[in-house]
C-alpha atoms as a PDB file:
ATOM      1  CA  MET A   1      10.101 -34.576 -14.478  1.00  0.00           C
ATOM      2  CA  SER A   2      13.115 -36.845 -15.384  1.00  0.00           C
ATOM      3  CA  LYS A   3      12.014 -40.237 -16.764  1.00  0.00           C
ATOM      4  CA  THR A   4      14.490 -42.179 -14.181  1.00  0.00           C
ATOM      5  CA  ILE A   5      12.111 -41.623 -11.406  1.00  0.00           C
ATOM      6  CA  GLU A   6       9.261 -43.598 -11.084  1.00  0.00           C
ATOM      7  CA  SER A   7       6.295 -42.525 -13.354  1.00  0.00           C
ATOM      8  CA  THR A   8       3.889 -43.244 -10.707  1.00  0.00           C
ATOM      9  CA  ILE A   9       4.741 -39.949  -8.840  1.00  0.00           C
ATOM     10  CA  LYS A  10       1.921 -37.546  -9.041  1.00  0.00           C
ATOM     11  CA  ARG A  11       2.449 -33.936  -9.812  1.00  0.00           C
ATOM     12  CA  THR A  12       0.143 -30.824  -9.515  1.00  0.00           C
ATOM     13  CA  TRP A  13       0.843 -27.339 -10.600  1.00  0.00           C
ATOM     14  CA  ILE A  14       0.569 -23.855  -8.564  1.00  0.00           C
ATOM     15  CA  GLY A  15      -0.143 -20.708 -10.772  1.00  0.00           C
ATOM     16  CA  ALA A  16       2.396 -18.053  -9.949  1.00  0.00           C
ATOM     17  CA  GLY A  17       1.268 -15.221 -11.962  1.00  0.00           C
ATOM     18  CA  VAL A  18       1.641 -15.983 -15.559  1.00  0.00           C
ATOM     19  CA  SER A  19       3.693 -18.909 -14.876  1.00  0.00           C
ATOM     20  CA  ARG A  20       3.273 -22.400 -13.033  1.00  0.00           C
ATOM     21  CA  VAL A  21       5.321 -24.091 -10.389  1.00  0.00           C
ATOM     22  CA  PRO A  22       5.209 -27.930 -10.227  1.00  0.00           C
ATOM     23  CA  ILE A  23       4.825 -29.872  -7.165  1.00  0.00           C
ATOM     24  CA  ASP A  24       5.337 -33.631  -6.421  1.00  0.00           C
ATOM     25  CA  LEU A  25       2.927 -35.171  -4.029  1.00  0.00           C
ATOM     26  CA  LEU A  26       5.497 -37.503  -2.096  1.00  0.00           C
ATOM     27  CA  THR A  27       5.677 -38.222   1.513  1.00  0.00           C
ATOM     28  CA  MET A  28       8.829 -37.716   3.346  1.00  0.00           C
ATOM     29  CA  GLU A  29       9.777 -41.379   3.245  1.00  0.00           C
ATOM     30  CA  GLU A  30       8.837 -41.614  -0.499  1.00  0.00           C
ATOM     31  CA  THR A  31      11.139 -38.458  -1.305  1.00  0.00           C
ATOM     32  CA  LEU A  32      14.088 -40.101   0.274  1.00  0.00           C
ATOM     33  CA  GLN A  33      13.815 -43.401  -1.348  1.00  0.00           C
ATOM     34  CA  ALA A  34      13.321 -41.698  -4.591  1.00  0.00           C
ATOM     35  CA  ILE A  35      16.693 -39.703  -4.173  1.00  0.00           C
ATOM     36  CA  LEU A  36      18.673 -42.672  -2.722  1.00  0.00           C
ATOM     37  CA  ASP A  37      17.500 -45.265  -5.376  1.00  0.00           C
ATOM     38  CA  ARG A  38      17.351 -43.284  -8.166  1.00  0.00           C
ATOM     39  CA  PRO A  39      18.885 -45.256 -11.333  1.00  0.00           C
ATOM     40  CA  GLN A  40      21.874 -43.715 -12.271  1.00  0.00           C
ATOM     41  CA  SER A  41      21.374 -41.677 -15.664  1.00  0.00           C
ATOM     42  CA  GLY A  42      23.122 -38.388 -15.473  1.00  0.00           C
ATOM     43  CA  TRP A  43      22.354 -35.721 -12.775  1.00  0.00           C
ATOM     44  CA  GLY A  44      19.099 -35.111 -11.701  1.00  0.00           C
ATOM     45  CA  TYR A  45      18.091 -31.869  -9.228  1.00  0.00           C
ATOM     46  CA  VAL A  46      15.708 -31.375  -6.494  1.00  0.00           C
ATOM     47  CA  VAL A  47      14.058 -28.005  -5.705  1.00  0.00           C
ATOM     48  CA  THR A  48      12.183 -27.210  -2.592  1.00  0.00           C
ATOM     49  CA  PRO A  49      10.077 -24.218  -3.259  1.00  0.00           C
ATOM     50  CA  ASN A  50       8.555 -22.243  -0.330  1.00  0.00           C
ATOM     51  CA  LEU A  51       6.404 -19.030  -0.670  1.00  0.00           C
ATOM     52  CA  HIS A  52       9.454 -16.672  -1.227  1.00  0.00           C
ATOM     53  CA  HIS A  53      10.332 -18.912  -4.387  1.00  0.00           C
ATOM     54  CA  LEU A  54       6.673 -18.668  -5.679  1.00  0.00           C
ATOM     55  CA  ASP A  55       6.829 -14.907  -5.362  1.00  0.00           C
ATOM     56  CA  LEU A  56      10.118 -14.828  -7.215  1.00  0.00           C
ATOM     57  CA  VAL A  57       8.626 -16.718 -10.030  1.00  0.00           C
ATOM     58  CA  ARG A  58       5.595 -14.563  -9.855  1.00  0.00           C
ATOM     59  CA  ARG A  59       7.644 -11.354 -10.486  1.00  0.00           C
ATOM     60  CA  ASP A  60      10.074 -13.117 -12.730  1.00  0.00           C
ATOM     61  CA  PRO A  61       8.377 -15.660 -15.026  1.00  0.00           C
ATOM     62  CA  SER A  62      11.560 -16.771 -16.622  1.00  0.00           C
ATOM     63  CA  MET A  63      12.396 -18.472 -13.476  1.00  0.00           C
ATOM     64  CA  ALA A  64       9.827 -21.113 -13.741  1.00  0.00           C
ATOM     65  CA  GLU A  65      11.978 -23.077 -15.859  1.00  0.00           C
ATOM     66  CA  LEU A  66      14.296 -23.732 -12.932  1.00  0.00           C
ATOM     67  CA  TYR A  67      11.243 -25.815 -11.290  1.00  0.00           C
ATOM     68  CA  GLU A  68       9.891 -27.277 -14.451  1.00  0.00           C
ATOM     69  CA  GLU A  69      13.272 -28.793 -15.377  1.00  0.00           C
ATOM     70  CA  ALA A  70      13.744 -30.238 -11.852  1.00  0.00           C
ATOM     71  CA  THR A  71      13.623 -33.745 -11.220  1.00  0.00           C
ATOM     72  CA  LEU A  72      11.587 -33.482  -8.153  1.00  0.00           C
ATOM     73  CA  SER A  73       9.977 -30.253  -7.027  1.00  0.00           C
ATOM     74  CA  LEU A  74       8.946 -30.717  -3.253  1.00  0.00           C
ATOM     75  CA  PRO A  75       6.703 -28.079  -1.184  1.00  0.00           C
ATOM     76  CA  ASP A  76       9.362 -27.063   1.277  1.00  0.00           C
ATOM     77  CA  GLY A  77       6.739 -24.475   3.331  1.00  0.00           C
ATOM     78  CA  TRP A  78       3.314 -24.917   4.519  1.00  0.00           C
ATOM     79  CA  PRO A  79       1.814 -22.164   2.458  1.00  0.00           C
ATOM     80  CA  VAL A  80       3.275 -24.105  -0.696  1.00  0.00           C
ATOM     81  CA  ALA A  81       1.600 -27.409   0.714  1.00  0.00           C
ATOM     82  CA  TRP A  82      -1.637 -25.653   1.243  1.00  0.00           C
ATOM     83  CA  LEU A  83      -1.677 -23.901  -2.116  1.00  0.00           C
ATOM     84  CA  ALA A  84      -0.961 -27.196  -3.830  1.00  0.00           C
ATOM     85  CA  SER A  85      -3.620 -28.923  -1.808  1.00  0.00           C
ATOM     86  CA  ARG A  86      -6.353 -26.366  -2.938  1.00  0.00           C
ATOM     87  CA  VAL A  87      -5.292 -27.274  -6.606  1.00  0.00           C
ATOM     88  CA  ALA A  88      -4.971 -31.041  -6.187  1.00  0.00           C
ATOM     89  CA  ARG A  89      -8.027 -31.402  -4.150  1.00  0.00           C
ATOM     90  CA  GLU A  90      -6.099 -33.670  -1.775  1.00  0.00           C
ATOM     91  CA  ARG A  91      -3.899 -33.068   1.186  1.00  0.00           C
ATOM     92  CA  VAL A  92      -0.364 -32.576  -0.062  1.00  0.00           C
ATOM     93  CA  GLN A  93       2.450 -33.049   2.720  1.00  0.00           C
ATOM     94  CA  ARG A  94       4.957 -30.677   3.390  1.00  0.00           C
ATOM     95  CA  VAL A  95       8.493 -32.023   2.730  1.00  0.00           C
ATOM     96  CA  ALA A  96      10.904 -29.532   4.467  1.00  0.00           C
ATOM     97  CA  GLY A  97      14.402 -29.312   3.192  1.00  0.00           C
ATOM     98  CA  SER A  98      15.618 -29.209   6.665  1.00  0.00           C
ATOM     99  CA  ASP A  99      14.223 -32.533   7.553  1.00  0.00           C
ATOM    100  CA  LEU A 100      14.997 -34.139   4.241  1.00  0.00           C
ATOM    101  CA  PHE A 101      18.762 -33.367   4.931  1.00  0.00           C
ATOM    102  CA  ASP A 102      18.618 -34.510   8.381  1.00  0.00           C
ATOM    103  CA  ARG A 103      17.296 -37.794   7.085  1.00  0.00           C
ATOM    104  CA  LEU A 104      19.521 -37.908   4.396  1.00  0.00           C
ATOM    105  CA  LEU A 105      22.568 -37.402   6.889  1.00  0.00           C
ATOM    106  CA  ALA A 106      21.323 -40.208   9.004  1.00  0.00           C
ATOM    107  CA  SER A 107      21.052 -42.651   5.981  1.00  0.00           C
ATOM    108  CA  GLU A 108      23.403 -45.294   5.076  1.00  0.00           C
ATOM    109  CA  GLY A 109      25.860 -43.848   2.565  1.00  0.00           C
ATOM    110  CA  ARG A 110      27.686 -47.274   1.390  1.00  0.00           C
ATOM    111  CA  GLY A 111      30.762 -45.432   0.547  1.00  0.00           C
ATOM    112  CA  ARG A 112      28.968 -43.102  -1.834  1.00  0.00           C
ATOM    113  CA  PRO A 113      30.225 -39.336  -2.133  1.00  0.00           C
ATOM    114  CA  LEU A 114      28.345 -36.440  -0.389  1.00  0.00           C
ATOM    115  CA  ALA A 115      29.317 -33.139  -1.570  1.00  0.00           C
ATOM    116  CA  ILE A 116      28.088 -30.203   0.259  1.00  0.00           C
ATOM    117  CA  ILE A 117      28.129 -26.774  -1.359  1.00  0.00           C
ATOM    118  CA  GLY A 118      27.701 -23.872   1.340  1.00  0.00           C
ATOM    119  CA  GLY A 119      27.632 -23.808   4.954  1.00  0.00           C
ATOM    120  CA  VAL A 120      30.224 -22.264   7.431  1.00  0.00           C
ATOM    121  CA  PRO A 121      33.694 -23.759   7.668  1.00  0.00           C
ATOM    122  CA  GLY A 122      34.267 -24.436  11.369  1.00  0.00           C
ATOM    123  CA  ASP A 123      33.598 -26.900  14.195  1.00  0.00           C
ATOM    124  CA  GLY A 124      29.938 -27.365  13.227  1.00  0.00           C
ATOM    125  CA  MET A 125      30.930 -28.337   9.923  1.00  0.00           C
ATOM    126  CA  ARG A 126      33.620 -30.809  11.096  1.00  0.00           C
ATOM    127  CA  ARG A 127      30.992 -32.595  13.370  1.00  0.00           C
ATOM    128  CA  LEU A 128      28.588 -32.905  10.426  1.00  0.00           C
ATOM    129  CA  VAL A 129      31.446 -34.335   8.299  1.00  0.00           C
ATOM    130  CA  SER A 130      32.300 -36.743  11.153  1.00  0.00           C
ATOM    131  CA  VAL A 131      28.395 -37.904  11.412  1.00  0.00           C
ATOM    132  CA  THR A 132      28.299 -38.444   7.706  1.00  0.00           C
ATOM    133  CA  GLY A 133      31.433 -40.537   7.745  1.00  0.00           C
ATOM    134  CA  ALA A 134      30.310 -42.558  10.702  1.00  0.00           C
ATOM    135  CA  ASN A 135      27.287 -43.576   8.414  1.00  0.00           C
ATOM    136  CA  GLY A 136      29.293 -44.389   5.489  1.00  0.00           C
ATOM    137  CA  TRP A 137      29.281 -41.303   3.458  1.00  0.00           C
ATOM    138  CA  ARG A 138      32.319 -39.787   1.713  1.00  0.00           C
ATOM    139  CA  THR A 139      31.955 -36.021   2.325  1.00  0.00           C
ATOM    140  CA  ILE A 140      33.257 -33.289   0.403  1.00  0.00           C
ATOM    141  CA  VAL A 141      32.836 -29.775   1.572  1.00  0.00           C
ATOM    142  CA  GLU A 142      32.824 -26.782  -0.510  1.00  0.00           C
ATOM    143  CA  PRO A 143      32.221 -23.545   1.073  1.00  0.00           C
ATOM    144  CA  ALA A 144      31.743 -21.748  -2.160  1.00  0.00           C
ATOM    145  CA  PRO A 145      31.871 -17.936  -0.804  1.00  0.00           C
ATOM    146  CA  ARG A 146      30.060 -15.456  -2.786  1.00  0.00           C
ATOM    147  CA  GLU A 147      32.976 -14.264  -4.993  1.00  0.00           C
ATOM    148  CA  GLU A 148      33.580 -17.832  -6.190  1.00  0.00           C
ATOM    149  CA  LEU A 149      29.875 -17.963  -7.381  1.00  0.00           C
ATOM    150  CA  VAL A 150      29.868 -14.738  -9.005  1.00  0.00           C
ATOM    151  CA  ASP A 151      33.112 -15.115 -11.077  1.00  0.00           C
ATOM    152  CA  GLU A 152      32.406 -17.248 -14.124  1.00  0.00           C
ATOM    153  CA  GLY A 153      35.459 -18.869 -14.282  1.00  0.00           C
ATOM    154  CA  ARG A 154      35.718 -19.973 -10.781  1.00  0.00           C
ATOM    155  CA  ARG A 155      32.030 -20.995 -10.706  1.00  0.00           C
ATOM    156  CA  THR A 156      32.687 -22.960 -13.757  1.00  0.00           C
ATOM    157  CA  ALA A 157      35.634 -24.614 -12.205  1.00  0.00           C
ATOM    158  CA  LEU A 158      33.655 -25.394  -8.929  1.00  0.00           C
ATOM    159  CA  MET A 159      31.047 -27.091 -10.942  1.00  0.00           C
ATOM    160  CA  ALA A 160      33.430 -29.302 -12.586  1.00  0.00           C
ATOM    161  CA  ARG A 161      35.357 -30.284  -9.584  1.00  0.00           C
ATOM    162  CA  VAL A 162      32.096 -31.084  -7.537  1.00  0.00           C
ATOM    163  CA  THR A 163      30.531 -33.317 -10.316  1.00  0.00           C
ATOM    164  CA  ALA A 164      33.969 -35.010 -10.862  1.00  0.00           C
ATOM    165  CA  ALA A 165      34.311 -35.599  -6.983  1.00  0.00           C
ATOM    166  CA  ALA A 166      30.510 -36.478  -6.393  1.00  0.00           C
ATOM    167  CA  ASP A 167      30.016 -38.816  -9.374  1.00  0.00           C
ATOM    168  CA  GLY A 168      27.787 -41.521  -8.272  1.00  0.00           C
ATOM    169  CA  GLY A 169      26.744 -39.721  -5.281  1.00  0.00           C
ATOM    170  CA  ILE A 170      24.744 -36.607  -3.855  1.00  0.00           C
ATOM    171  CA  VAL A 171      25.378 -32.971  -3.894  1.00  0.00           C
ATOM    172  CA  VAL A 172      23.566 -30.653  -1.573  1.00  0.00           C
ATOM    173  CA  ILE A 173      23.635 -26.873  -2.297  1.00  0.00           C
ATOM    174  CA  GLY A 174      22.935 -24.314   0.331  1.00  0.00           C
ATOM    175  CA  VAL A 175      23.583 -20.869  -1.129  1.00  0.00           C
ATOM    176  CA  GLY A 176      20.271 -19.308  -1.363  1.00  0.00           C
ATOM    177  CA  ALA A 177      17.530 -18.939  -3.902  1.00  0.00           C
ATOM    178  CA  PRO A 178      17.631 -18.483  -6.755  1.00  0.00           C
ATOM    179  CA  ARG A 179      21.573 -18.887  -6.925  1.00  0.00           C
ATOM    180  CA  GLN A 180      21.377 -22.546  -5.906  1.00  0.00           C
ATOM    181  CA  GLU A 181      18.497 -23.430  -8.345  1.00  0.00           C
ATOM    182  CA  ILE A 182      20.533 -21.945 -11.099  1.00  0.00           C
ATOM    183  CA  LEU A 183      23.685 -23.559  -9.968  1.00  0.00           C
ATOM    184  CA  ALA A 184      22.000 -27.089  -9.756  1.00  0.00           C
ATOM    185  CA  ARG A 185      20.308 -26.721 -13.280  1.00  0.00           C
ATOM    186  CA  ASP A 186      23.894 -25.813 -14.816  1.00  0.00           C
ATOM    187  CA  MET A 187      25.616 -28.498 -12.740  1.00  0.00           C
ATOM    188  CA  SER A 188      22.983 -31.127 -14.129  1.00  0.00           C
ATOM    189  CA  ARG A 189      24.419 -30.608 -17.548  1.00  0.00           C
ATOM    190  CA  PHE A 190      27.904 -31.651 -16.486  1.00  0.00           C
ATOM    191  CA  GLY A 191      29.306 -35.258 -17.072  1.00  0.00           C
ATOM    192  CA  GLY A 192      28.642 -37.888 -14.344  1.00  0.00           C
ATOM    193  CA  GLU A 193      25.538 -38.884 -12.387  1.00  0.00           C
ATOM    194  CA  GLY A 194      23.622 -38.593  -9.210  1.00  0.00           C
ATOM    195  CA  MET A 195      21.387 -36.011  -7.314  1.00  0.00           C
ATOM    196  CA  ILE A 196      21.651 -32.437  -6.565  1.00  0.00           C
ATOM    197  CA  LEU A 197      19.577 -31.121  -3.703  1.00  0.00           C
ATOM    198  CA  CYS A 198      18.814 -27.286  -3.206  1.00  0.00           C
ATOM    199  CA  LEU A 199      18.283 -27.105   0.558  1.00  0.00           C
ATOM    200  CA  GLY A 200      18.661 -23.436   1.539  1.00  0.00           C
ATOM    201  CA  MET A 201      19.495 -23.094   5.103  1.00  0.00           C
ATOM    202  CA  SER A 202      19.360 -26.657   5.922  1.00  0.00           C
ATOM    203  CA  ILE A 203      23.305 -27.028   6.112  1.00  0.00           C
ATOM    204  CA  ASN A 204      23.586 -24.127   8.475  1.00  0.00           C
ATOM    205  CA  PHE A 205      20.893 -25.673  10.698  1.00  0.00           C
ATOM    206  CA  SER A 206      22.380 -29.192  10.771  1.00  0.00           C
ATOM    207  CA  THR A 207      25.918 -27.626  11.634  1.00  0.00           C
ATOM    208  CA  GLY A 208      24.415 -25.599  14.494  1.00  0.00           C
ATOM    209  CA  ASP A 209      25.799 -22.427  12.885  1.00  0.00           C
ATOM    210  CA  VAL A 210      22.048 -21.128  12.702  1.00  0.00           C
ATOM    211  CA  HIS A 211      19.363 -22.481  15.333  1.00  0.00           C
ATOM    212  CA  ARG A 212      16.316 -23.822  13.845  1.00  0.00           C
ATOM    213  CA  ALA A 213      12.750 -23.200  15.634  1.00  0.00           C
ATOM    214  CA  PRO A 214      11.855 -25.578  18.139  1.00  0.00           C
ATOM    215  CA  VAL A 215       9.478 -28.423  17.070  1.00  0.00           C
ATOM    216  CA  PRO A 216       6.249 -26.883  18.720  1.00  0.00           C
ATOM    217  CA  VAL A 217       7.082 -23.628  16.684  1.00  0.00           C
ATOM    218  CA  ARG A 218       7.475 -25.712  13.543  1.00  0.00           C
ATOM    219  CA  THR A 219       4.339 -27.634  14.213  1.00  0.00           C
ATOM    220  CA  VAL A 220       2.166 -24.541  14.247  1.00  0.00           C
ATOM    221  CA  GLY A 221       3.720 -23.139  11.210  1.00  0.00           C
ATOM    222  CA  LEU A 222       5.485 -20.312  12.967  1.00  0.00           C
ATOM    223  CA  GLU A 223       8.989 -21.222  12.098  1.00  0.00           C
ATOM    224  CA  TRP A 224       9.236 -18.292   9.740  1.00  0.00           C
ATOM    225  CA  ALA A 225       8.472 -15.809  12.777  1.00  0.00           C
ATOM    226  CA  PHE A 226      11.182 -17.637  14.809  1.00  0.00           C
ATOM    227  CA  ARG A 227      13.704 -16.872  11.668  1.00  0.00           C
ATOM    228  CA  ALA A 228      12.582 -13.319  11.307  1.00  0.00           C
ATOM    229  CA  LEU A 229      13.498 -12.893  15.187  1.00  0.00           C
ATOM    230  CA  GLN A 230      16.695 -14.144  14.474  1.00  0.00           C
ATOM    231  CA  GLU A 231      17.270 -11.774  11.412  1.00  0.00           C
ATOM    232  CA  PRO A 232      15.079  -8.874  11.489  1.00  0.00           C
ATOM    233  CA  THR A 233      16.822  -6.602   9.193  1.00  0.00           C
ATOM    234  CA  ARG A 234      17.405  -9.394   6.360  1.00  0.00           C
ATOM    235  CA  LEU A 235      14.224 -11.480   6.819  1.00  0.00           C
ATOM    236  CA  GLY A 236      11.626  -9.014   8.242  1.00  0.00           C
ATOM    237  CA  PRO A 237      10.997  -7.176   4.637  1.00  0.00           C
ATOM    238  CA  ARG A 238      11.536 -10.590   2.857  1.00  0.00           C
ATOM    239  CA  TYR A 239       8.749 -12.119   5.024  1.00  0.00           C
ATOM    240  CA  LEU A 240       6.406  -9.189   4.794  1.00  0.00           C
ATOM    241  CA  GLY A 241       6.886  -9.478   0.922  1.00  0.00           C
ATOM    242  CA  ASP A 242       6.059 -13.187   0.997  1.00  0.00           C
ATOM    243  CA  ALA A 243       2.862 -12.575   3.132  1.00  0.00           C
ATOM    244  CA  MET A 244       1.456  -9.827   0.561  1.00  0.00           C
ATOM    245  CA  ALA A 245       2.050 -12.331  -2.122  1.00  0.00           C
ATOM    246  CA  LEU A 246       0.141 -14.810  -0.476  1.00  0.00           C
ATOM    247  CA  VAL A 247      -3.193 -13.221  -1.135  1.00  0.00           C
ATOM    248  CA  PRO A 248      -3.165 -13.019  -4.894  1.00  0.00           C
ATOM    249  CA  LEU A 249      -1.429 -16.558  -5.074  1.00  0.00           C
ATOM    250  CA  ALA A 250      -4.445 -18.044  -3.044  1.00  0.00           C
ATOM    251  CA  LEU A 251      -7.012 -16.233  -5.180  1.00  0.00           C
ATOM    252  CA  GLN A 252      -5.060 -17.395  -8.268  1.00  0.00           C
ATOM    253  CA  ASN A 253      -4.841 -20.939  -6.972  1.00  0.00           C
ATOM    254  CA  LYS A 254      -8.631 -21.752  -6.109  1.00  0.00           C
ATOM    255  CA  ARG A 255      -9.665 -25.105  -5.188  1.00  0.00           C
ATOM    256  CA  GLY A 256      -9.591 -27.466  -7.871  1.00  0.00           C
ATOM    257  CA  GLY A 257      -7.271 -25.958 -10.166  1.00  0.00           C
ATOM    258  CA  ALA A 258      -4.687 -22.991 -10.870  1.00  0.00           C
END
C-alpha cells in the first residue's frame, strides 16, 4: 500500500491459489475521502477486485502483483466482501466500483482534471461530461478503442497524453480486466501525480449505454444475474466459471485466515 495513504487503513488478504489478493477495509465514504484527499506524491492506483478477478489470479499467479502494488484494493463484489469477512473475522463492506464512480461524479472537482479512459462516445458521454463540468471537474475523454490498447506505440502515447492532461487530478479506466489494471500500473510509473481508478463497466453504467440492475436486485446480490440476461453469450460462460471458482476459494479462505 502506498505510504501516502493513511497508515490507519486496515488490510486483509484473500488467498487465490498460490497467491493472495489484498483487500482494504474501508467504507464508501472513507474510500472517497482517501481518493479525493490523497496527498499528491506521484500516481497511485485503485483496483476493485470481484470474483472474476480472484479467479484470474488463481489461474495466473503473476497477476497478483497488479493488486499488491495498488494503492487501494476494494471489494467490488459481494463474494469478495464475504471472503474477506471470513478471513478478517469482521464484516467487510462492499465498495462497488459503480457506486464509487457515481459518488465521484457528484463530488466537487474544484477545477481539477478528470480523465475518462473507455466508454462509448455519444450522447451519454456528453451528458456525463456536462454533469462533471457543472460540479467543477475539467473532464478529458479518451475512448481508447482496442486497437489503441494493443498497439504498443499508441498505448504509450495514450498513457503519456493522459498523465500529462490529468496531472493533479483523477483518471478513471473502464476497459476490462486485466487490461485496465495493467494499464493503471504502467501509467502510475509516468511523471505527474494523482489517482487512477480501475472501474470496469462503471463508465457505461453512468452514461446509460448499459443499464445497471435495479437497486432491489443489487441489494439481494443478484446484479450478476441481471447482467447475464443482458449479455448471455459473453457473460454466461464467464459467470459460470466464476461460480465454480467460488467453491475452492471459500475452502481456501476459511474463517480466521487464508
